[in-house]
């Protein structure tokens, strides 16, 4: 490959096809989590300099899963489509059940 190759480098965002596949995989993961757990709630985590925005799903027993998500509006839409309550971590904090679950499963 030459120094000034015409082949473009990926910027980490991927192609539209890759983005669509990642979105579908994330939604399927969330649907599966909600279908197999009781009392699931959604928590939006704001982006930080070290981490992307994310949607955190927490079951009533504290078991949780997290996936990247573009923004708050998308997170709220996902929670609405899953028919689960939606909260923002910055306003409510993390649920106590998640803290207990993490402490028990270290």
PDB file of N, CA and C in Angstrom:
ATOM      1  N   UNK A   1       0.849  -1.165   0.000  1.00  0.00           N
ATOM      2  CA  UNK A   1       0.000   0.000   0.000  1.00  0.00           C
ATOM      3  C   UNK A   1       0.898   1.233   0.000  1.00  0.00           C
ATOM      4  N   UNK A   2       0.553   2.198  -0.832  1.00  0.00           N
ATOM      5  CA  UNK A   2       1.345   3.402  -0.940  1.00  0.00           C
ATOM      6  C   UNK A   2       1.131   4.361   0.210  1.00  0.00           C
ATOM      7  N   UNK A   3       2.007   5.330   0.290  1.00  0.00           N
ATOM      8  CA  UNK A   3       1.937   6.319   1.353  1.00  0.00           C
ATOM      9  C   UNK A   3       0.644   7.121   1.294  1.00  0.00           C
ATOM     10  N   UNK A   4       0.169   7.416   0.118  1.00  0.00           N
ATOM     11  CA  UNK A   4      -1.056   8.191  -0.046  1.00  0.00           C
ATOM     12  C   UNK A   4      -2.149   7.319  -0.658  1.00  0.00           C
ATOM     13  N   UNK A   5      -2.391   6.202  -0.061  1.00  0.00           N
ATOM     14  CA  UNK A   5      -3.375   5.245  -0.556  1.00  0.00           C
ATOM     15  C   UNK A   5      -4.767   5.865  -0.610  1.00  0.00           C
ATOM     16  N   UNK A   6      -5.543   5.458  -1.580  1.00  0.00           N
ATOM     17  CA  UNK A   6      -6.910   5.959  -1.710  1.00  0.00           C
ATOM     18  C   UNK A   6      -7.869   5.269  -0.746  1.00  0.00           C
ATOM     19  N   UNK A   7      -7.437   4.158  -0.200  1.00  0.00           N
ATOM     20  CA  UNK A   7      -8.302   3.434   0.726  1.00  0.00           C
ATOM     21  C   UNK A   7      -8.489   4.258   1.994  1.00  0.00           C
ATOM     22  N   UNK A   8      -9.747   4.510   2.328  1.00  0.00           N
ATOM     23  CA  UNK A   8     -10.038   5.334   3.496  1.00  0.00           C
ATOM     24  C   UNK A   8      -9.943   4.499   4.764  1.00  0.00           C
ATOM     25  N   UNK A   9      -9.462   5.137   5.813  1.00  0.00           N
ATOM     26  CA  UNK A   9      -9.378   4.484   7.109  1.00  0.00           C
ATOM     27  C   UNK A   9     -10.697   4.651   7.836  1.00  0.00           C
ATOM     28  N   UNK A  10     -11.018   3.664   8.650  1.00  0.00           N
ATOM     29  CA  UNK A  10     -12.226   3.763   9.472  1.00  0.00           C
ATOM     30  C   UNK A  10     -11.953   4.690  10.638  1.00  0.00           C
ATOM     31  N   UNK A  11     -12.958   5.465  10.997  1.00  0.00           N
ATOM     32  CA  UNK A  11     -12.818   6.377  12.123  1.00  0.00           C
ATOM     33  C   UNK A  11     -13.423   5.784  13.397  1.00  0.00           C
ATOM     34  N   UNK A  12     -13.726   4.484  13.369  1.00  0.00           N
ATOM     35  CA  UNK A  12     -14.321   3.853  14.536  1.00  0.00           C
ATOM     36  C   UNK A  12     -15.836   3.781  14.456  1.00  0.00           C
ATOM     37  N   UNK A  13     -16.441   4.558  13.577  1.00  0.00           N
ATOM     38  CA  UNK A  13     -17.891   4.579  13.476  1.00  0.00           C
ATOM     39  C   UNK A  13     -18.423   3.402  12.660  1.00  0.00           C
ATOM     40  N   UNK A  14     -17.619   2.896  11.740  1.00  0.00           N
ATOM     41  CA  UNK A  14     -18.050   1.779  10.915  1.00  0.00           C
ATOM     42  C   UNK A  14     -18.965   2.222   9.791  1.00  0.00           C
ATOM     43  N   UNK A  15     -19.279   1.281   8.935  1.00  0.00           N
ATOM     44  CA  UNK A  15     -20.178   1.574   7.821  1.00  0.00           C
ATOM     45  C   UNK A  15     -21.624   1.587   8.312  1.00  0.00           C
ATOM     46  N   UNK A  16     -22.495   2.061   7.454  1.00  0.00           N
ATOM     47  CA  UNK A  16     -23.922   2.066   7.822  1.00  0.00           C
ATOM     48  C   UNK A  16     -24.420   0.655   8.110  1.00  0.00           C
ATOM     49  N   UNK A  17     -23.949  -0.296   7.322  1.00  0.00           N
ATOM     50  CA  UNK A  17     -24.361  -1.689   7.514  1.00  0.00           C
ATOM     51  C   UNK A  17     -23.897  -2.194   8.877  1.00  0.00           C
ATOM     52  N   UNK A  18     -22.668  -1.873   9.258  1.00  0.00           N
ATOM     53  CA  UNK A  18     -22.145  -2.278  10.569  1.00  0.00           C
ATOM     54  C   UNK A  18     -22.917  -1.601  11.703  1.00  0.00           C
ATOM     55  N   UNK A  19     -23.237  -0.321  11.524  1.00  0.00           N
ATOM     56  CA  UNK A  19     -23.997   0.408  12.537  1.00  0.00           C
ATOM     57  C   UNK A  19     -25.386  -0.185  12.708  1.00  0.00           C
ATOM     58  N   UNK A  20     -26.016  -0.533  11.598  1.00  0.00           N
ATOM     59  CA  UNK A  20     -27.350  -1.123  11.639  1.00  0.00           C
ATOM     60  C   UNK A  20     -27.306  -2.483  12.340  1.00  0.00           C
ATOM     61  N   UNK A  21     -26.293  -3.268  12.048  1.00  0.00           N
ATOM     62  CA  UNK A  21     -26.149  -4.585  12.679  1.00  0.00           C
ATOM     63  C   UNK A  21     -25.897  -4.444  14.179  1.00  0.00           C
ATOM     64  N   UNK A  22     -25.075  -3.462  14.565  1.00  0.00           N
ATOM     65  CA  UNK A  22     -24.794  -3.234  15.980  1.00  0.00           C
ATOM     66  C   UNK A  22     -26.054  -2.791  16.716  1.00  0.00           C
ATOM     67  N   UNK A  23     -26.842  -1.928  16.090  1.00  0.00           N
ATOM     68  CA  UNK A  23     -28.095  -1.465  16.700  1.00  0.00           C
ATOM     69  C   UNK A  23     -29.053  -2.632  16.887  1.00  0.00           C
ATOM     70  N   UNK A  24     -29.186  -3.470  15.877  1.00  0.00           N
ATOM     71  CA  UNK A  24     -30.077  -4.632  15.961  1.00  0.00           C
ATOM     72  C   UNK A  24     -29.620  -5.592  17.055  1.00  0.00           C
ATOM     73  N   UNK A  25     -28.321  -5.801  17.161  1.00  0.00           N
ATOM     74  CA  UNK A  25     -27.786  -6.699  18.192  1.00  0.00           C
ATOM     75  C   UNK A  25     -28.039  -6.141  19.590  1.00  0.00           C
ATOM     76  N   UNK A  26     -27.867  -4.845  19.758  1.00  0.00           N
ATOM     77  CA  UNK A  26     -28.114  -4.202  21.050  1.00  0.00           C
ATOM     78  C   UNK A  26     -29.582  -4.321  21.432  1.00  0.00           C
ATOM     79  N   UNK A  27     -30.474  -4.016  20.502  1.00  0.00           N
ATOM     80  CA  UNK A  27     -31.908  -4.110  20.783  1.00  0.00           C
ATOM     81  C   UNK A  27     -32.318  -5.536  21.111  1.00  0.00           C
ATOM     82  N   UNK A  28     -31.774  -6.508  20.394  1.00  0.00           N
ATOM     83  CA  UNK A  28     -32.095  -7.907  20.677  1.00  0.00           C
ATOM     84  C   UNK A  28     -31.579  -8.318  22.061  1.00  0.00           C
ATOM     85  N   UNK A  29     -30.394  -7.862  22.417  1.00  0.00           N
ATOM     86  CA  UNK A  29     -29.846  -8.157  23.737  1.00  0.00           C
ATOM     87  C   UNK A  29     -30.759  -7.586  24.827  1.00  0.00           C
ATOM     88  N   UNK A  30     -31.189  -6.339  24.656  1.00  0.00           N
ATOM     89  CA  UNK A  30     -32.074  -5.713  25.636  1.00  0.00           C
ATOM     90  C   UNK A  30     -33.418  -6.438  25.715  1.00  0.00           C
ATOM     91  N   UNK A  31     -33.988  -6.803  24.559  1.00  0.00           N
ATOM     92  CA  UNK A  31     -35.265  -7.525  24.555  1.00  0.00           C
ATOM     93  C   UNK A  31     -35.136  -8.854  25.304  1.00  0.00           C
ATOM     94  N   UNK A  32     -34.069  -9.553  25.054  1.00  0.00           N
ATOM     95  CA  UNK A  32     -33.827 -10.834  25.718  1.00  0.00           C
ATOM     96  C   UNK A  32     -33.681 -10.648  27.229  1.00  0.00           C
ATOM     97  N   UNK A  33     -32.955  -9.619  27.633  1.00  0.00           N
ATOM     98  CA  UNK A  33     -32.757  -9.349  29.056  1.00  0.00           C
ATOM     99  C   UNK A  33     -34.092  -9.063  29.730  1.00  0.00           C
ATOM    100  N   UNK A  34     -34.907  -8.214  29.118  1.00  0.00           N
ATOM    101  CA  UNK A  34     -36.213  -7.851  29.685  1.00  0.00           C
ATOM    102  C   UNK A  34     -37.137  -9.073  29.738  1.00  0.00           C
ATOM    103  N   UNK A  35     -37.096  -9.907  28.710  1.00  0.00           N
ATOM    104  CA  UNK A  35     -37.982 -11.074  28.645  1.00  0.00           C
ATOM    105  C   UNK A  35     -37.621 -12.142  29.678  1.00  0.00           C
ATOM    106  N   UNK A  36     -36.382 -12.169  30.118  1.00  0.00           N
ATOM    107  CA  UNK A  36     -35.935 -13.244  31.016  1.00  0.00           C
ATOM    108  C   UNK A  36     -35.677 -12.782  32.447  1.00  0.00           C
ATOM    109  N   UNK A  37     -35.971 -11.518  32.755  1.00  0.00           N
ATOM    110  CA  UNK A  37     -35.796 -10.983  34.111  1.00  0.00           C
ATOM    111  C   UNK A  37     -37.080 -10.325  34.577  1.00  0.00           C
ATOM    112  N   UNK A  38     -37.195 -10.148  35.887  1.00  0.00           N
ATOM    113  CA  UNK A  38     -38.380  -9.529  36.482  1.00  0.00           C
ATOM    114  C   UNK A  38     -38.047  -8.106  36.920  1.00  0.00           C
ATOM    115  N   UNK A  39     -38.983  -7.187  36.725  1.00  0.00           N
ATOM    116  CA  UNK A  39     -38.853  -5.831  37.242  1.00  0.00           C
ATOM    117  C   UNK A  39     -37.705  -5.030  36.676  1.00  0.00           C
ATOM    118  N   UNK A  40     -37.470  -5.117  35.380  1.00  0.00           N
ATOM    119  CA  UNK A  40     -36.347  -4.419  34.750  1.00  0.00           C
ATOM    120  C   UNK A  40     -36.648  -2.930  34.594  1.00  0.00           C
ATOM    121  N   UNK A  41     -35.640  -2.107  34.914  1.00  0.00           N
ATOM    122  CA  UNK A  41     -35.718  -0.657  34.742  1.00  0.00           C
ATOM    123  C   UNK A  41     -34.518  -0.205  33.919  1.00  0.00           C
ATOM    124  N   UNK A  42     -34.692   0.897  33.182  1.00  0.00           N
ATOM    125  CA  UNK A  42     -33.627   1.433  32.329  1.00  0.00           C
ATOM    126  C   UNK A  42     -33.023   2.679  32.976  1.00  0.00           C
ATOM    127  N   UNK A  43     -31.695   2.780  32.938  1.00  0.00           N
ATOM    128  CA  UNK A  43     -30.971   3.928  33.478  1.00  0.00           C
ATOM    129  C   UNK A  43     -30.020   4.447  32.404  1.00  0.00           C
ATOM    130  N   UNK A  44     -30.151   5.726  32.092  1.00  0.00           N
ATOM    131  CA  UNK A  44     -29.275   6.347  31.095  1.00  0.00           C
ATOM    132  C   UNK A  44     -28.044   6.926  31.784  1.00  0.00           C
ATOM    133  N   UNK A  45     -26.870   6.583  31.258  1.00  0.00           N
ATOM    134  CA  UNK A  45     -25.607   7.122  31.763  1.00  0.00           C
ATOM    135  C   UNK A  45     -25.072   8.145  30.774  1.00  0.00           C
ATOM    136  N   UNK A  46     -24.906   9.367  31.237  1.00  0.00           N
ATOM    137  CA  UNK A  46     -24.368  10.447  30.404  1.00  0.00           C
ATOM    138  C   UNK A  46     -22.952  10.099  29.939  1.00  0.00           C
ATOM    139  N   UNK A  47     -22.556  10.605  28.774  1.00  0.00           N
ATOM    140  CA  UNK A  47     -21.173  10.388  28.334  1.00  0.00           C
ATOM    141  C   UNK A  47     -20.208  11.170  29.219  1.00  0.00           C
ATOM    142  N   UNK A  48     -19.021  10.614  29.384  1.00  0.00           N
ATOM    143  CA  UNK A  48     -17.951  11.266  30.129  1.00  0.00           C
ATOM    144  C   UNK A  48     -16.725  11.308  29.222  1.00  0.00           C
ATOM    145  N   UNK A  49     -15.667  11.988  29.645  1.00  0.00           N
ATOM    146  CA  UNK A  49     -14.456  11.982  28.821  1.00  0.00           C
ATOM    147  C   UNK A  49     -13.865  10.575  28.634  1.00  0.00           C
ATOM    148  N   UNK A  50     -14.201   9.664  29.545  1.00  0.00           N
ATOM    149  CA  UNK A  50     -13.640   8.313  29.475  1.00  0.00           C
ATOM    150  C   UNK A  50     -14.616   7.262  28.961  1.00  0.00           C
ATOM    151  N   UNK A  51     -15.907   7.578  28.882  1.00  0.00           N
ATOM    152  CA  UNK A  51     -16.894   6.568  28.488  1.00  0.00           C
ATOM    153  C   UNK A  51     -17.996   7.185  27.619  1.00  0.00           C
ATOM    154  N   UNK A  52     -18.503   6.372  26.720  1.00  0.00           N
ATOM    155  CA  UNK A  52     -19.615   6.791  25.863  1.00  0.00           C
ATOM    156  C   UNK A  52     -20.911   6.770  26.659  1.00  0.00           C
ATOM    157  N   UNK A  53     -21.938   7.414  26.125  1.00  0.00           N
ATOM    158  CA  UNK A  53     -23.271   7.321  26.711  1.00  0.00           C
ATOM    159  C   UNK A  53     -23.698   5.863  26.657  1.00  0.00           C
ATOM    160  N   UNK A  54     -24.455   5.443  27.680  1.00  0.00           N
ATOM    161  CA  UNK A  54     -24.864   4.037  27.738  1.00  0.00           C
ATOM    162  C   UNK A  54     -26.248   3.913  28.349  1.00  0.00           C
ATOM    163  N   UNK A  55     -26.896   2.813  28.026  1.00  0.00           N
ATOM    164  CA  UNK A  55     -28.170   2.470  28.642  1.00  0.00           C
ATOM    165  C   UNK A  55     -27.928   1.235  29.494  1.00  0.00           C
ATOM    166  N   UNK A  56     -28.300   1.339  30.746  1.00  0.00           N
ATOM    167  CA  UNK A  56     -28.100   0.287  31.733  1.00  0.00           C
ATOM    168  C   UNK A  56     -29.466  -0.275  32.087  1.00  0.00           C
ATOM    169  N   UNK A  57     -29.639  -1.578  31.946  1.00  0.00           N
ATOM    170  CA  UNK A  57     -30.878  -2.222  32.365  1.00  0.00           C
ATOM    171  C   UNK A  57     -30.602  -2.977  33.653  1.00  0.00           C
ATOM    172  N   UNK A  58     -31.456  -2.772  34.664  1.00  0.00           N
ATOM    173  CA  UNK A  58     -31.262  -3.398  35.968  1.00  0.00           C
ATOM    174  C   UNK A  58     -32.535  -4.143  36.343  1.00  0.00           C
ATOM    175  N   UNK A  59     -32.380  -5.439  36.655  1.00  0.00           N
ATOM    176  CA  UNK A  59     -33.513  -6.259  37.098  1.00  0.00           C
ATOM    177  C   UNK A  59     -33.757  -6.015  38.578  1.00  0.00           C
ATOM    178  N   UNK A  60     -34.877  -6.502  39.082  1.00  0.00           N
ATOM    179  CA  UNK A  60     -35.258  -6.269  40.470  1.00  0.00           C
ATOM    180  C   UNK A  60     -34.250  -6.875  41.455  1.00  0.00           C
ATOM    181  N   UNK A  61     -33.574  -7.968  41.049  1.00  0.00           N
ATOM    182  CA  UNK A  61     -32.585  -8.596  41.926  1.00  0.00           C
ATOM    183  C   UNK A  61     -31.215  -7.930  41.830  1.00  0.00           C
ATOM    184  N   UNK A  62     -31.079  -6.925  40.962  1.00  0.00           N
ATOM    185  CA  UNK A  62     -29.829  -6.187  40.830  1.00  0.00           C
ATOM    186  C   UNK A  62     -28.970  -6.608  39.662  1.00  0.00           C
ATOM    187  N   UNK A  63     -29.322  -7.721  39.016  1.00  0.00           N
ATOM    188  CA  UNK A  63     -28.561  -8.137  37.841  1.00  0.00           C
ATOM    189  C   UNK A  63     -28.698  -7.061  36.776  1.00  0.00           C
ATOM    190  N   UNK A  64     -27.625  -6.796  36.056  1.00  0.00           N
ATOM    191  CA  UNK A  64     -27.650  -5.677  35.122  1.00  0.00           C
ATOM    192  C   UNK A  64     -26.895  -5.972  33.843  1.00  0.00           C
ATOM    193  N   UNK A  65     -27.168  -5.150  32.835  1.00  0.00           N
ATOM    194  CA  UNK A  65     -26.446  -5.190  31.571  1.00  0.00           C
ATOM    195  C   UNK A  65     -26.357  -3.772  31.046  1.00  0.00           C
ATOM    196  N   UNK A  66     -25.299  -3.487  30.313  1.00  0.00           N
ATOM    197  CA  UNK A  66     -25.063  -2.132  29.806  1.00  0.00           C
ATOM    198  C   UNK A  66     -24.603  -2.220  28.349  1.00  0.00           C
ATOM    199  N   UNK A  67     -25.094  -1.279  27.546  1.00  0.00           N
ATOM    200  CA  UNK A  67     -24.662  -1.159  26.150  1.00  0.00           C
ATOM    201  C   UNK A  67     -24.566   0.325  25.790  1.00  0.00           C
ATOM    202  N   UNK A  68     -23.637   0.625  24.873  1.00  0.00           N
ATOM    203  CA  UNK A  68     -23.512   1.998  24.366  1.00  0.00           C
ATOM    204  C   UNK A  68     -24.770   2.400  23.641  1.00  0.00           C
ATOM    205  N   UNK A  69     -25.068   3.687  23.710  1.00  0.00           N
ATOM    206  CA  UNK A  69     -26.249   4.228  23.033  1.00  0.00           C
ATOM    207  C   UNK A  69     -25.904   5.654  22.613  1.00  0.00           C
ATOM    208  N   UNK A  70     -26.418   6.133  21.493  1.00  0.00           N
ATOM    209  CA  UNK A  70     -25.997   7.448  21.002  1.00  0.00           C
ATOM    210  C   UNK A  70     -26.315   8.629  21.922  1.00  0.00           C
ATOM    211  N   UNK A  71     -27.537   8.659  22.473  1.00  0.00           N
ATOM    212  CA  UNK A  71     -27.920   9.829  23.267  1.00  0.00           C
ATOM    213  C   UNK A  71     -29.121   9.516  24.156  1.00  0.00           C
ATOM    214  N   UNK A  72     -29.531  10.513  24.950  1.00  0.00           N
ATOM    215  CA  UNK A  72     -30.623  10.350  25.899  1.00  0.00           C
ATOM    216  C   UNK A  72     -31.946  10.046  25.200  1.00  0.00           C
ATOM    217  N   UNK A  73     -32.235  10.738  24.109  1.00  0.00           N
ATOM    218  CA  UNK A  73     -33.496  10.530  23.399  1.00  0.00           C
ATOM    219  C   UNK A  73     -33.614   9.105  22.861  1.00  0.00           C
ATOM    220  N   UNK A  74     -32.533   8.590  22.320  1.00  0.00           N
ATOM    221  CA  UNK A  74     -32.537   7.214  21.832  1.00  0.00           C
ATOM    222  C   UNK A  74     -32.747   6.249  22.994  1.00  0.00           C
ATOM    223  N   UNK A  75     -32.095   6.522  24.122  1.00  0.00           N
ATOM    224  CA  UNK A  75     -32.249   5.676  25.304  1.00  0.00           C
ATOM    225  C   UNK A  75     -33.701   5.668  25.778  1.00  0.00           C
ATOM    226  N   UNK A  76     -34.323   6.833  25.819  1.00  0.00           N
ATOM    227  CA  UNK A  76     -35.727   6.929  26.237  1.00  0.00           C
ATOM    228  C   UNK A  76     -36.632   6.175  25.263  1.00  0.00           C
ATOM    229  N   UNK A  77     -36.339   6.269  23.977  1.00  0.00           N
ATOM    230  CA  UNK A  77     -37.127   5.553  22.969  1.00  0.00           C
ATOM    231  C   UNK A  77     -37.000   4.038  23.133  1.00  0.00           C
ATOM    232  N   UNK A  78     -35.791   3.575  23.409  1.00  0.00           N
ATOM    233  CA  UNK A  78     -35.569   2.136  23.618  1.00  0.00           C
ATOM    234  C   UNK A  78     -36.336   1.665  24.842  1.00  0.00           C
ATOM    235  N   UNK A  79     -36.248   2.402  25.933  1.00  0.00           N
ATOM    236  CA  UNK A  79     -36.973   2.035  27.159  1.00  0.00           C
ATOM    237  C   UNK A  79     -38.478   2.008  26.900  1.00  0.00           C
ATOM    238  N   UNK A  80     -38.981   2.985  26.162  1.00  0.00           N
ATOM    239  CA  UNK A  80     -40.414   3.024  25.840  1.00  0.00           C
ATOM    240  C   UNK A  80     -40.808   1.823  24.983  1.00  0.00           C
ATOM    241  N   UNK A  81     -39.966   1.457  24.029  1.00  0.00           N
ATOM    242  CA  UNK A  81     -40.282   0.312  23.171  1.00  0.00           C
ATOM    243  C   UNK A  81     -40.260  -0.993  23.962  1.00  0.00           C
ATOM    244  N   UNK A  82     -39.440  -1.045  25.008  1.00  0.00           N
ATOM    245  CA  UNK A  82     -39.379  -2.231  25.873  1.00  0.00           C
ATOM    246  C   UNK A  82     -40.447  -2.195  26.966  1.00  0.00           C
ATOM    247  N   UNK A  83     -41.139  -1.048  27.060  1.00  0.00           N
ATOM    248  CA  UNK A  83     -42.195  -0.837  28.048  1.00  0.00           C
ATOM    249  C   UNK A  83     -41.680  -1.000  29.479  1.00  0.00           C
ATOM    250  N   UNK A  84     -40.539  -0.336  29.752  1.00  0.00           N
ATOM    251  CA  UNK A  84     -39.951  -0.357  31.087  1.00  0.00           C
ATOM    252  C   UNK A  84     -39.711   1.079  31.551  1.00  0.00           C
ATOM    253  N   UNK A  85     -39.674   1.299  32.870  1.00  0.00           N
ATOM    254  CA  UNK A  85     -39.409   2.651  33.383  1.00  0.00           C
ATOM    255  C   UNK A  85     -38.026   3.150  32.957  1.00  0.00           C
ATOM    256  N   UNK A  86     -37.927   4.464  32.781  1.00  0.00           N
ATOM    257  CA  UNK A  86     -36.679   5.094  32.328  1.00  0.00           C
ATOM    258  C   UNK A  86     -36.236   6.144  33.331  1.00  0.00           C
ATOM    259  N   UNK A  87     -34.962   6.086  33.735  1.00  0.00           N
ATOM    260  CA  UNK A  87     -34.388   7.046  34.675  1.00  0.00           C
ATOM    261  C   UNK A  87     -33.040   7.521  34.144  1.00  0.00           C
ATOM    262  N   UNK A  88     -32.570   8.621  34.696  1.00  0.00           N
ATOM    263  CA  UNK A  88     -31.237   9.118  34.369  1.00  0.00           C
ATOM    264  C   UNK A  88     -30.369   8.976  35.614  1.00  0.00           C
ATOM    265  N   UNK A  89     -29.239   8.316  35.482  1.00  0.00           N
ATOM    266  CA  UNK A  89     -28.350   8.061  36.621  1.00  0.00           C
ATOM    267  C   UNK A  89     -27.934   9.359  37.288  1.00  0.00           C
ATOM    268  N   UNK A  90     -27.707  10.387  36.496  1.00  0.00           N
ATOM    269  CA  UNK A  90     -27.247  11.660  37.055  1.00  0.00           C
ATOM    270  C   UNK A  90     -28.285  12.270  37.997  1.00  0.00           C
ATOM    271  N   UNK A  91     -29.559  11.930  37.810  1.00  0.00           N
ATOM    272  CA  UNK A  91     -30.633  12.463  38.652  1.00  0.00           C
ATOM    273  C   UNK A  91     -31.029  11.521  39.786  1.00  0.00           C
ATOM    274  N   UNK A  92     -30.999  10.211  39.527  1.00  0.00           N
ATOM    275  CA  UNK A  92     -31.489   9.245  40.513  1.00  0.00           C
ATOM    276  C   UNK A  92     -30.405   8.435  41.198  1.00  0.00           C
ATOM    277  N   UNK A  93     -29.231   8.383  40.577  1.00  0.00           N
ATOM    278  CA  UNK A  93     -28.178   7.497  41.085  1.00  0.00           C
ATOM    279  C   UNK A  93     -28.462   6.061  40.661  1.00  0.00           C
ATOM    280  N   UNK A  94     -27.542   5.161  41.019  1.00  0.00           N
ATOM    281  CA  UNK A  94     -27.718   3.751  40.701  1.00  0.00           C
ATOM    282  C   UNK A  94     -28.620   3.110  41.748  1.00  0.00           C
ATOM    283  N   UNK A  95     -29.408   2.114  41.359  1.00  0.00           N
ATOM    284  CA  UNK A  95     -30.298   1.475  42.330  1.00  0.00           C
ATOM    285  C   UNK A  95     -29.513   0.658  43.363  1.00  0.00           C
ATOM    286  N   UNK A  96     -30.025   0.622  44.579  1.00  0.00           N
ATOM    287  CA  UNK A  96     -29.377  -0.135  45.650  1.00  0.00           C
ATOM    288  C   UNK A  96     -29.277  -1.619  45.324  1.00  0.00           C
ATOM    289  N   UNK A  97     -30.283  -2.145  44.621  1.00  0.00           N
ATOM    290  CA  UNK A  97     -30.255  -3.568  44.271  1.00  0.00           C
ATOM    291  C   UNK A  97     -29.036  -3.902  43.415  1.00  0.00           C
ATOM    292  N   UNK A  98     -28.630  -2.978  42.557  1.00  0.00           N
ATOM    293  CA  UNK A  98     -27.444  -3.192  41.716  1.00  0.00           C
ATOM    294  C   UNK A  98     -26.188  -3.207  42.575  1.00  0.00           C
ATOM    295  N   UNK A  99     -26.109  -2.321  43.547  1.00  0.00           N
ATOM    296  CA  UNK A  99     -24.953  -2.286  44.449  1.00  0.00           C
ATOM    297  C   UNK A  99     -24.844  -3.592  45.233  1.00  0.00           C
ATOM    298  N   UNK A 100     -25.982  -4.077  45.757  1.00  0.00           N
ATOM    299  CA  UNK A 100     -25.985  -5.341  46.505  1.00  0.00           C
ATOM    300  C   UNK A 100     -25.568  -6.497  45.596  1.00  0.00           C
ATOM    301  N   UNK A 101     -26.109  -6.533  44.389  1.00  0.00           N
ATOM    302  CA  UNK A 101     -25.782  -7.599  43.435  1.00  0.00           C
ATOM    303  C   UNK A 101     -24.283  -7.612  43.144  1.00  0.00           C
ATOM    304  N   UNK A 102     -23.713  -6.428  42.904  1.00  0.00           N
ATOM    305  CA  UNK A 102     -22.287  -6.340  42.623  1.00  0.00           C
ATOM    306  C   UNK A 102     -21.450  -6.802  43.813  1.00  0.00           C
ATOM    307  N   UNK A 103     -21.862  -6.438  45.008  1.00  0.00           N
ATOM    308  CA  UNK A 103     -21.130  -6.836  46.215  1.00  0.00           C
ATOM    309  C   UNK A 103     -21.180  -8.349  46.409  1.00  0.00           C
ATOM    310  N   UNK A 104     -22.303  -8.965  46.122  1.00  0.00           N
ATOM    311  CA  UNK A 104     -22.471 -10.398  46.291  1.00  0.00           C
ATOM    312  C   UNK A 104     -21.747 -11.215  45.230  1.00  0.00           C
ATOM    313  N   UNK A 105     -21.518 -10.632  44.055  1.00  0.00           N
ATOM    314  CA  UNK A 105     -20.937 -11.375  42.933  1.00  0.00           C
ATOM    315  C   UNK A 105     -19.527 -10.932  42.576  1.00  0.00           C
ATOM    316  N   UNK A 106     -18.773 -10.537  43.550  1.00  0.00           N
ATOM    317  CA  UNK A 106     -17.372 -10.152  43.295  1.00  0.00           C
ATOM    318  C   UNK A 106     -16.481 -11.347  43.261  1.00  0.00           C
TER     319      UNK A 106
END
